[in-house]
């Protein structure tokens, strides 16, 4: 089966499964709702803080945008994909795929490609829609490239560990708190902030902050971001394959 056939066959099924599930369908629109909330809420808040507290909130915009876009956007698509994989694992759909013309490796490639593509595309919507970021199109592209691998990484993390959706939601909440911890690195102006590098979400955030600040030397951080997340995705894919064949 070629790529076009796989996408045309599985894409509509995935869309129906997501929008039929009341606990998942709202998540698809979460990044867009966040962008609109920031667009309508942050400028009035900024003016109020300046007028009443003489506090300039603008320098802290990148911290919020890193939270809502650089991390939350790919994790949202990772959650959606992860729960689809959990359902298919429970229903033994993935086992049944092994006797169909669709090879399991192409199926996993599809599952990885979709959230990566959605994250990349949505980056070009979220930043302009929020009206708060200062990145040009090439910088938005780089931000998308370093954050997109987070989506399949998180999807495979959920699918390879959680036994069902209840466990999946619990795991999502617990791991989400850890993955968002690097946001505090924004407020640390020393080399100690690199300690957050043990958490994979730190590197995409770091790249984004450097781009917003106009700093040089961003490419090594971008390379680390992609390699680190891709390596974890590969390890989690191997674990997921072992789980399927228990």
Protein backbone atom coordinates (compact mmCIF):
# COMPACT_ATOMS: atom_id res chain seq x y z
CA UNK A 1 0.00 0.00 0.00
CA UNK A 2 1.30 3.45 -0.88
CA UNK A 3 1.30 6.46 1.42
CA UNK A 4 -1.70 8.12 -0.22
CA UNK A 5 -3.81 4.98 0.14
CA UNK A 6 -2.90 4.61 3.81
CA UNK A 7 -3.81 8.21 4.63
CA UNK A 8 -7.06 8.13 2.65
CA UNK A 9 -8.08 4.85 4.29
CA UNK A 10 -7.14 5.54 7.90
CA UNK A 11 -7.54 9.33 8.10
CA UNK A 12 -11.38 9.42 7.98
CA UNK A 13 -11.58 6.53 10.47
CA UNK A 14 -9.34 8.36 12.93
CA UNK A 15 -11.34 11.57 12.55
CA UNK A 16 -14.60 9.74 13.29
CA UNK A 17 -13.10 7.99 16.32
CA UNK A 18 -11.76 11.25 17.77
CA UNK A 19 -14.91 13.33 17.26
CA UNK A 20 -17.13 10.50 18.46
CA UNK A 21 -15.27 10.41 21.78
CA UNK A 22 -16.49 13.18 24.08
CA UNK A 23 -13.29 13.10 26.12
CA UNK A 24 -11.07 13.63 23.08
CA UNK A 25 -12.85 15.78 20.51
CA UNK A 26 -12.48 19.02 22.50
CA UNK A 27 -8.71 18.50 22.71
CA UNK A 28 -8.34 18.85 18.94
CA UNK A 29 -9.36 22.52 19.20
CA UNK A 30 -7.39 23.25 22.38
CA UNK A 31 -4.35 24.87 20.68
CA UNK A 32 -6.57 27.17 18.59
CA UNK A 33 -8.66 28.14 21.62
CA UNK A 34 -5.44 28.88 23.49
CA UNK A 35 -4.24 31.16 20.68
CA UNK A 36 -7.53 33.08 20.69
CA UNK A 37 -7.49 33.33 24.48
CA UNK A 38 -3.99 34.81 24.35
CA UNK A 39 -4.91 37.20 21.53
CA UNK A 40 -7.95 38.59 23.36
CA UNK A 41 -6.75 38.32 26.94
CA UNK A 42 -3.05 39.14 27.10
CA UNK A 43 -2.98 42.68 25.59
CA UNK A 44 -5.63 44.04 28.03
CA UNK A 45 -3.81 42.30 30.90
CA UNK A 46 -0.52 43.83 29.76
CA UNK A 47 -2.03 47.32 29.68
CA UNK A 48 -3.63 46.86 33.09
CA UNK A 49 -0.38 45.68 34.68
CA UNK A 50 1.50 48.63 33.21
CA UNK A 51 -1.10 51.19 34.26
CA UNK A 52 -1.72 49.90 37.78
CA UNK A 53 1.50 48.13 38.76
CA UNK A 54 4.07 49.70 36.40
CA UNK A 55 4.97 46.13 35.43
CA UNK A 56 5.97 45.35 31.84
CA UNK A 57 4.55 41.94 30.99
CA UNK A 58 5.82 41.89 27.38
CA UNK A 59 9.28 40.37 28.13
CA UNK A 60 7.50 37.37 29.63
CA UNK A 61 5.42 36.59 26.54
CA UNK A 62 7.89 33.92 25.32
CA UNK A 63 7.41 31.93 28.54
CA UNK A 64 3.66 31.72 27.97
CA UNK A 65 3.94 31.03 24.25
CA UNK A 66 6.43 28.23 24.93
CA UNK A 67 3.89 26.68 27.28
CA UNK A 68 0.84 27.02 25.05
CA UNK A 69 2.36 26.43 21.61
CA UNK A 70 5.81 24.82 21.71
CA UNK A 71 4.82 22.16 24.25
CA UNK A 72 1.03 21.99 24.54
CA UNK A 73 0.37 21.82 20.80
CA UNK A 74 2.46 18.68 20.07
CA UNK A 75 1.44 17.07 23.36
CA UNK A 76 -2.22 17.57 22.43
CA UNK A 77 -1.75 15.67 19.18
CA UNK A 78 0.38 13.14 21.03
CA UNK A 79 -2.48 12.52 23.47
CA UNK A 80 -5.00 12.08 20.65
CA UNK A 81 -2.73 9.65 18.81
CA UNK A 82 -1.81 7.83 22.01
CA UNK A 83 -5.43 7.21 22.93
CA UNK A 84 -6.17 5.94 19.42
CA UNK A 85 -3.29 3.48 19.83
CA UNK A 86 -4.57 2.43 23.27
CA UNK A 87 -8.03 1.73 21.84
CA UNK A 88 -6.57 -0.25 18.96
CA UNK A 89 -4.36 -2.18 21.34
CA UNK A 90 -7.34 -3.04 23.55
CA UNK A 91 -9.45 -4.04 20.56
CA UNK A 92 -6.54 -6.09 19.16
CA UNK A 93 -6.83 -4.10 15.95
CA UNK A 94 -3.06 -3.88 15.68
CA UNK A 95 -2.73 -7.66 15.92
CA UNK A 96 -5.31 -8.02 13.15
CA UNK A 97 -3.31 -5.62 10.96
CA UNK A 98 -0.55 -8.20 10.71
CA UNK A 99 -2.68 -10.32 8.38
CA UNK A 100 -3.75 -7.39 6.17
CA UNK A 101 -1.90 -5.84 3.19
CA UNK A 102 -0.86 -2.95 5.48
CA UNK A 103 2.53 -3.70 7.09
CA UNK A 104 2.74 -2.80 10.77
CA UNK A 105 5.84 -0.65 10.18
CA UNK A 106 3.94 1.49 7.66
CA UNK A 107 1.07 1.78 10.09
CA UNK A 108 3.37 3.01 12.85
CA UNK A 109 4.96 5.40 10.34
CA UNK A 110 1.48 6.76 9.62
CA UNK A 111 0.82 7.16 13.33
CA UNK A 112 4.08 9.11 13.69
CA UNK A 113 3.66 11.25 10.58
CA UNK A 114 0.15 12.54 11.30
CA UNK A 115 0.83 14.27 14.66
CA UNK A 116 4.17 15.59 13.38
CA UNK A 117 2.50 17.09 10.30
CA UNK A 118 -0.38 18.57 12.30
CA UNK A 119 2.05 20.18 14.76
CA UNK A 120 4.14 21.69 11.97
CA UNK A 121 1.12 23.06 10.14
CA UNK A 122 -0.53 24.45 13.24
CA UNK A 123 2.59 26.39 14.23
CA UNK A 124 2.02 28.60 11.19
CA UNK A 125 -1.50 29.28 12.47
CA UNK A 126 -0.98 29.64 16.22
CA UNK A 127 1.76 32.26 16.32
CA UNK A 128 0.12 34.68 13.84
CA UNK A 129 -3.30 34.04 15.41
CA UNK A 130 -2.08 34.94 18.89
CA UNK A 131 -0.49 38.16 17.62
CA UNK A 132 2.11 38.00 20.39
CA UNK A 133 5.21 36.32 18.95
CA UNK A 134 7.96 38.06 17.04
CA UNK A 135 9.13 35.19 14.85
CA UNK A 136 9.33 35.29 11.06
CA UNK A 137 8.19 32.36 8.92
CA UNK A 138 11.57 30.61 8.84
CA UNK A 139 11.83 30.84 12.63
CA UNK A 140 8.31 29.48 13.05
CA UNK A 141 9.31 26.59 10.78
CA UNK A 142 12.36 25.83 12.92
CA UNK A 143 10.23 26.02 16.08
CA UNK A 144 7.82 23.54 14.52
CA UNK A 145 10.62 21.19 13.48
CA UNK A 146 12.10 21.01 16.98
CA UNK A 147 8.75 20.64 18.75
CA UNK A 148 6.94 18.27 16.35
CA UNK A 149 8.83 15.08 17.42
CA UNK A 150 7.28 15.57 20.86
CA UNK A 151 3.90 14.45 19.49
CA UNK A 152 4.77 10.86 18.44
CA UNK A 153 7.12 10.58 21.43
CA UNK A 154 4.27 11.30 23.85
CA UNK A 155 1.82 9.15 21.87
CA UNK A 156 4.07 6.10 22.07
CA UNK A 157 4.82 6.84 25.71
CA UNK A 158 1.12 6.66 26.56
CA UNK A 159 0.40 3.67 24.32
CA UNK A 160 3.35 1.60 25.52
CA UNK A 161 2.68 2.07 29.24
CA UNK A 162 -1.05 2.67 29.79
CA UNK A 163 -3.24 -0.43 29.72
CA UNK A 164 -6.45 1.50 29.11
CA UNK A 165 -7.83 5.04 28.80
CA UNK A 166 -8.23 5.48 32.55
CA UNK A 167 -4.55 4.79 33.04
CA UNK A 168 -3.82 6.91 30.00
CA UNK A 169 -5.52 9.97 31.48
CA UNK A 170 -3.72 9.49 34.81
CA UNK A 171 -0.38 9.08 33.04
CA UNK A 172 -1.10 12.14 30.90
CA UNK A 173 -1.68 14.32 33.97
CA UNK A 174 1.35 13.05 35.90
CA UNK A 175 3.78 13.23 32.99
CA UNK A 176 2.34 16.57 31.86
CA UNK A 177 3.45 18.18 35.10
CA UNK A 178 7.00 16.96 34.50
CA UNK A 179 7.12 17.92 30.82
CA UNK A 180 6.06 21.49 31.60
CA UNK A 181 8.70 21.97 34.32
CA UNK A 182 11.32 23.43 31.91
CA UNK A 183 9.17 26.57 31.68
CA UNK A 184 10.95 27.68 34.86
CA UNK A 185 14.25 27.71 32.96
CA UNK A 186 13.07 30.90 31.30
CA UNK A 187 13.52 32.73 34.60
CA UNK A 188 17.03 31.36 35.28
CA UNK A 189 19.80 33.44 33.77
CA UNK A 190 22.71 31.06 34.27
CA UNK A 191 24.09 27.76 33.03
CA UNK A 192 22.12 25.99 35.78
CA UNK A 193 19.06 26.10 33.53
CA UNK A 194 20.68 23.43 31.35
CA UNK A 195 19.91 20.94 34.12
CA UNK A 196 16.37 20.98 32.78
CA UNK A 197 17.84 19.30 29.68
CA UNK A 198 17.11 15.88 31.14
CA UNK A 199 13.48 16.66 30.31
CA UNK A 200 13.00 16.47 26.51
CA UNK A 201 10.65 19.46 26.35
CA UNK A 202 13.42 21.78 27.53
CA UNK A 203 15.26 21.80 24.20
CA UNK A 204 12.37 22.94 21.96
CA UNK A 205 11.56 25.65 24.52
CA UNK A 206 15.21 26.73 24.60
CA UNK A 207 15.33 26.97 20.81
CA UNK A 208 12.17 29.07 20.76
CA UNK A 209 13.42 31.42 23.47
CA UNK A 210 16.71 31.91 21.63
CA UNK A 211 14.87 32.73 18.41
CA UNK A 212 12.61 35.23 20.18
CA UNK A 213 15.65 36.87 21.80
CA UNK A 214 17.56 36.99 18.50
CA UNK A 215 20.42 34.96 19.97
CA UNK A 216 23.00 33.23 17.81
CA UNK A 217 24.13 29.62 18.11
CA UNK A 218 20.64 28.18 17.98
CA UNK A 219 21.46 25.26 15.65
CA UNK A 220 23.25 23.04 18.22
CA UNK A 221 20.22 23.33 20.49
CA UNK A 222 17.91 22.55 17.58
CA UNK A 223 19.96 19.46 16.72
CA UNK A 224 19.87 18.25 20.33
CA UNK A 225 16.11 18.82 20.44
CA UNK A 226 15.45 16.70 17.35
CA UNK A 227 17.96 13.94 18.14
CA UNK A 228 16.96 13.61 21.80
CA UNK A 229 13.24 13.38 21.07
CA UNK A 230 13.72 11.14 18.04
CA UNK A 231 15.90 8.79 20.08
CA UNK A 232 13.26 8.55 22.81
CA UNK A 233 10.59 7.99 20.16
CA UNK A 234 12.60 5.11 18.71
CA UNK A 235 13.04 3.51 22.14
CA UNK A 236 9.33 3.91 22.91
CA UNK A 237 8.41 2.45 19.51
CA UNK A 238 10.49 -0.63 20.34
CA UNK A 239 8.78 -0.92 23.70
CA UNK A 240 5.37 -0.56 22.06
CA UNK A 241 6.26 -3.33 19.61
CA UNK A 242 7.21 -5.61 22.52
CA UNK A 243 3.93 -4.80 24.27
CA UNK A 244 1.99 -5.80 21.16
CA UNK A 245 3.73 -9.14 20.90
CA UNK A 246 3.49 -10.26 24.53
